[in-house]
Structure formats: C-alpha cells, structure tokens
Amino acid sequence: MRKLIEQLISDIDEMNHRFERVKSSEVDYDFYKVVKPYAHSIDSKLNELNNYYQQIINTPYMTPLKFNLLISNIQSLSVECHFKRTSRKLFTEKIKSVQYDLKNILTYHV
C-alpha cells in the first residue's frame, strides 16, 4: 500500500505540473490521445486503492465519506489538469486537500 500511496502523491504532483503547462500555453491537451488514457491509468490505481478501504478508513481523521471524496477529487483532478478553462482556485484547493489526505494516510497507516 505504501508504494501505491507514494505513486498517487507523485501522480498528483504530475497533475499540478500538467495544469501549470496548460495554463501557461493556453492550449488544451487532446482528449482522446492524452486525457482519456491518463484518467484511465489513474482510475486503475484508485481501484487498487479501494482494496485497502477498510485499512484506510481506520486511519485517524479518515471517514468513509472523506475516503469517497478523496477518490472523487483525484478522478476530477486527473481530467481537469488538462484543460485551460479549469479554475485555478478550485484546482489548487483540490490538490491541497488530496495531498493532505494522502500524506496523512502515509504517515499514520503505512
């Protein structure tokens, strides 16, 4: 589980870099060539993370609702990071929330 959480943290950093690139270039990524395969790869990692559901919700400050929100936010970020119309403020807030939760899981449980 540790390796998976670390990989997701790395993926979140990559999403942030992709977002900054799309914002600075003002050109969206191609949906079928880039966005869809990337989101699919993130979804497969999230499916793997679901295997650890019971362990994760036993982590301090983690509830079933918060876990579901974490999954949902990561899924959203994996798509939103590719489009210039994405709100910087909302994107940044989601990134911070996801990073906090993943690091919390890593600290307390793994």
C-alpha atoms as a PDB file:
ATOM      1  CA  MET A   1       0.000   0.000   0.000  1.00  0.00           C
ATOM      2  CA  ARG A   2       2.873   2.374   0.744  1.00  0.00           C
ATOM      3  CA  LYS A   3       4.139   2.201  -2.838  1.00  0.00           C
ATOM      4  CA  LEU A   4       0.642   2.878  -4.193  1.00  0.00           C
ATOM      5  CA  ILE A   5       0.158   5.941  -1.961  1.00  0.00           C
ATOM      6  CA  GLU A   6       3.593   7.265  -2.927  1.00  0.00           C
ATOM      7  CA  GLN A   7       2.749   6.746  -6.601  1.00  0.00           C
ATOM      8  CA  LEU A   8      -0.526   8.632  -6.173  1.00  0.00           C
ATOM      9  CA  ILE A   9       1.312  11.501  -4.478  1.00  0.00           C
ATOM     10  CA  SER A  10       3.683  11.577  -7.443  1.00  0.00           C
ATOM     11  CA  ASP A  11       0.713  11.497  -9.832  1.00  0.00           C
ATOM     12  CA  ILE A  12      -0.848  14.456  -8.016  1.00  0.00           C
ATOM     13  CA  ASP A  13       2.401  16.389  -8.494  1.00  0.00           C
ATOM     14  CA  GLU A  14       2.313  15.474 -12.190  1.00  0.00           C
ATOM     15  CA  MET A  15      -1.289  16.701 -12.425  1.00  0.00           C
ATOM     16  CA  ASN A  16      -0.196  20.003 -10.926  1.00  0.00           C
ATOM     17  CA  HIS A  17       2.627  20.286 -13.498  1.00  0.00           C
ATOM     18  CA  ARG A  18       0.263  19.465 -16.356  1.00  0.00           C
ATOM     19  CA  PHE A  19      -2.175  22.082 -15.087  1.00  0.00           C
ATOM     20  CA  GLU A  20       0.547  24.734 -14.972  1.00  0.00           C
ATOM     21  CA  ARG A  21       1.669  23.821 -18.508  1.00  0.00           C
ATOM     22  CA  VAL A  22      -1.858  24.040 -19.915  1.00  0.00           C
ATOM     23  CA  LYS A  23      -2.465  27.367 -18.147  1.00  0.00           C
ATOM     24  CA  SER A  24       0.765  28.872 -19.460  1.00  0.00           C
ATOM     25  CA  SER A  25       0.390  27.543 -23.014  1.00  0.00           C
ATOM     26  CA  GLU A  26      -3.375  28.260 -23.228  1.00  0.00           C
ATOM     27  CA  VAL A  27      -3.773  25.036 -25.252  1.00  0.00           C
ATOM     28  CA  ASP A  28      -5.821  22.094 -24.001  1.00  0.00           C
ATOM     29  CA  TYR A  29      -4.490  18.553 -24.210  1.00  0.00           C
ATOM     30  CA  ASP A  30      -6.099  16.229 -26.761  1.00  0.00           C
ATOM     31  CA  PHE A  31      -8.923  14.356 -25.027  1.00  0.00           C
ATOM     32  CA  TYR A  32      -8.591  11.002 -26.794  1.00  0.00           C
ATOM     33  CA  LYS A  33      -4.800  10.900 -27.121  1.00  0.00           C
ATOM     34  CA  VAL A  34      -3.820  12.237 -23.698  1.00  0.00           C
ATOM     35  CA  VAL A  35      -6.669  12.856 -21.255  1.00  0.00           C
ATOM     36  CA  LYS A  36      -8.616   9.610 -21.569  1.00  0.00           C
ATOM     37  CA  PRO A  37      -5.590   7.253 -21.285  1.00  0.00           C
ATOM     38  CA  TYR A  38      -4.191   9.269 -18.374  1.00  0.00           C
ATOM     39  CA  ALA A  39      -7.505   9.259 -16.497  1.00  0.00           C
ATOM     40  CA  HIS A  40      -7.818   5.521 -17.151  1.00  0.00           C
ATOM     41  CA  SER A  41      -4.380   4.864 -15.620  1.00  0.00           C
ATOM     42  CA  ILE A  42      -5.312   6.911 -12.535  1.00  0.00           C
ATOM     43  CA  ASP A  43      -8.630   5.054 -12.255  1.00  0.00           C
ATOM     44  CA  SER A  44      -6.817   1.719 -12.213  1.00  0.00           C
ATOM     45  CA  LYS A  45      -4.661   2.930  -9.301  1.00  0.00           C
ATOM     46  CA  LEU A  46      -7.763   4.146  -7.482  1.00  0.00           C
ATOM     47  CA  ASN A  47      -9.396   0.751  -7.981  1.00  0.00           C
ATOM     48  CA  GLU A  48      -6.334  -0.785  -6.382  1.00  0.00           C
ATOM     49  CA  LEU A  49      -6.584   1.728  -3.531  1.00  0.00           C
ATOM     50  CA  ASN A  50     -10.159   0.581  -2.909  1.00  0.00           C
ATOM     51  CA  ASN A  51      -8.720  -2.814  -1.930  1.00  0.00           C
ATOM     52  CA  TYR A  52      -7.317  -1.076   1.163  1.00  0.00           C
ATOM     53  CA  TYR A  53     -10.587   0.676   2.021  1.00  0.00           C
ATOM     54  CA  GLN A  54     -11.005  -0.808   5.497  1.00  0.00           C
ATOM     55  CA  GLN A  55      -7.411  -0.083   6.480  1.00  0.00           C
ATOM     56  CA  ILE A  56      -7.593   3.467   5.158  1.00  0.00           C
ATOM     57  CA  ILE A  57     -10.816   4.448   6.912  1.00  0.00           C
ATOM     58  CA  ASN A  58      -9.235   3.294  10.174  1.00  0.00           C
ATOM     59  CA  THR A  59      -6.599   5.986   9.691  1.00  0.00           C
ATOM     60  CA  PRO A  60      -7.016   8.991  12.038  1.00  0.00           C
ATOM     61  CA  TYR A  61      -9.155  11.751  10.507  1.00  0.00           C
ATOM     62  CA  MET A  62     -10.355   9.497   7.683  1.00  0.00           C
ATOM     63  CA  THR A  63     -14.014   8.535   7.350  1.00  0.00           C
ATOM     64  CA  PRO A  64     -15.877   6.634   4.634  1.00  0.00           C
ATOM     65  CA  LEU A  65     -17.264   9.928   3.334  1.00  0.00           C
ATOM     66  CA  LYS A  66     -13.826  11.531   3.270  1.00  0.00           C
ATOM     67  CA  PHE A  67     -12.357   8.482   1.528  1.00  0.00           C
ATOM     68  CA  ASN A  68     -15.030   8.686  -1.183  1.00  0.00           C
ATOM     69  CA  LEU A  69     -14.354  12.403  -1.559  1.00  0.00           C
ATOM     70  CA  LEU A  70     -10.628  11.691  -1.891  1.00  0.00           C
ATOM     71  CA  ILE A  71     -11.286   9.214  -4.714  1.00  0.00           C
ATOM     72  CA  SER A  72     -13.693  11.608  -6.419  1.00  0.00           C
ATOM     73  CA  ASN A  73     -11.252  14.532  -6.180  1.00  0.00           C
ATOM     74  CA  ILE A  74      -8.391  12.512  -7.650  1.00  0.00           C
ATOM     75  CA  GLN A  75     -10.616  11.399 -10.527  1.00  0.00           C
ATOM     76  CA  SER A  76     -11.652  15.002 -11.182  1.00  0.00           C
ATOM     77  CA  LEU A  77      -8.105  16.297 -10.998  1.00  0.00           C
ATOM     78  CA  SER A  78      -6.890  13.680 -13.480  1.00  0.00           C
ATOM     79  CA  VAL A  79      -9.194  15.219 -16.088  1.00  0.00           C
ATOM     80  CA  GLU A  80      -9.269  18.886 -15.034  1.00  0.00           C
ATOM     81  CA  CYS A  81      -5.483  19.234 -15.145  1.00  0.00           C
ATOM     82  CA  HIS A  82      -5.613  19.022 -18.949  1.00  0.00           C
ATOM     83  CA  PHE A  83      -7.919  21.953 -19.690  1.00  0.00           C
ATOM     84  CA  LYS A  84      -7.212  25.690 -19.587  1.00  0.00           C
ATOM     85  CA  ARG A  85     -10.804  26.525 -18.544  1.00  0.00           C
ATOM     86  CA  THR A  86     -10.278  24.830 -15.170  1.00  0.00           C
ATOM     87  CA  SER A  87     -10.485  27.290 -12.293  1.00  0.00           C
ATOM     88  CA  ARG A  88      -7.068  27.779 -10.712  1.00  0.00           C
ATOM     89  CA  LYS A  89      -8.530  28.357  -7.243  1.00  0.00           C
ATOM     90  CA  LEU A  90     -10.725  25.233  -7.243  1.00  0.00           C
ATOM     91  CA  PHE A  91      -7.968  23.112  -8.750  1.00  0.00           C
ATOM     92  CA  THR A  92      -5.456  24.302  -6.160  1.00  0.00           C
ATOM     93  CA  GLU A  93      -7.854  23.640  -3.288  1.00  0.00           C
ATOM     94  CA  LYS A  94      -8.495  20.097  -4.517  1.00  0.00           C
ATOM     95  CA  ILE A  95      -4.761  19.484  -4.917  1.00  0.00           C
ATOM     96  CA  LYS A  96      -4.092  20.637  -1.350  1.00  0.00           C
ATOM     97  CA  SER A  97      -6.898  18.503   0.050  1.00  0.00           C
ATOM     98  CA  VAL A  98      -5.803  15.372  -1.804  1.00  0.00           C
ATOM     99  CA  GLN A  99      -2.139  15.861  -0.880  1.00  0.00           C
ATOM    100  CA  TYR A 100      -3.057  16.304   2.772  1.00  0.00           C
ATOM    101  CA  ASP A 101      -5.195  13.164   2.849  1.00  0.00           C
ATOM    102  CA  LEU A 102      -2.646  11.003   1.028  1.00  0.00           C
ATOM    103  CA  LYS A 103       0.199  12.192   3.249  1.00  0.00           C
ATOM    104  CA  ASN A 104      -1.982  11.613   6.297  1.00  0.00           C
ATOM    105  CA  ILE A 105      -2.628   8.026   5.203  1.00  0.00           C
ATOM    106  CA  LEU A 106       1.075   7.552   4.556  1.00  0.00           C
ATOM    107  CA  THR A 107       2.026   8.980   7.954  1.00  0.00           C
ATOM    108  CA  TYR A 108      -0.488   7.221  10.151  1.00  0.00           C
ATOM    109  CA  HIS A 109      -1.156   3.968   8.474  1.00  0.00           C
ATOM    110  CA  VAL A 110       1.619   2.767   6.258  1.00  0.00           C
END
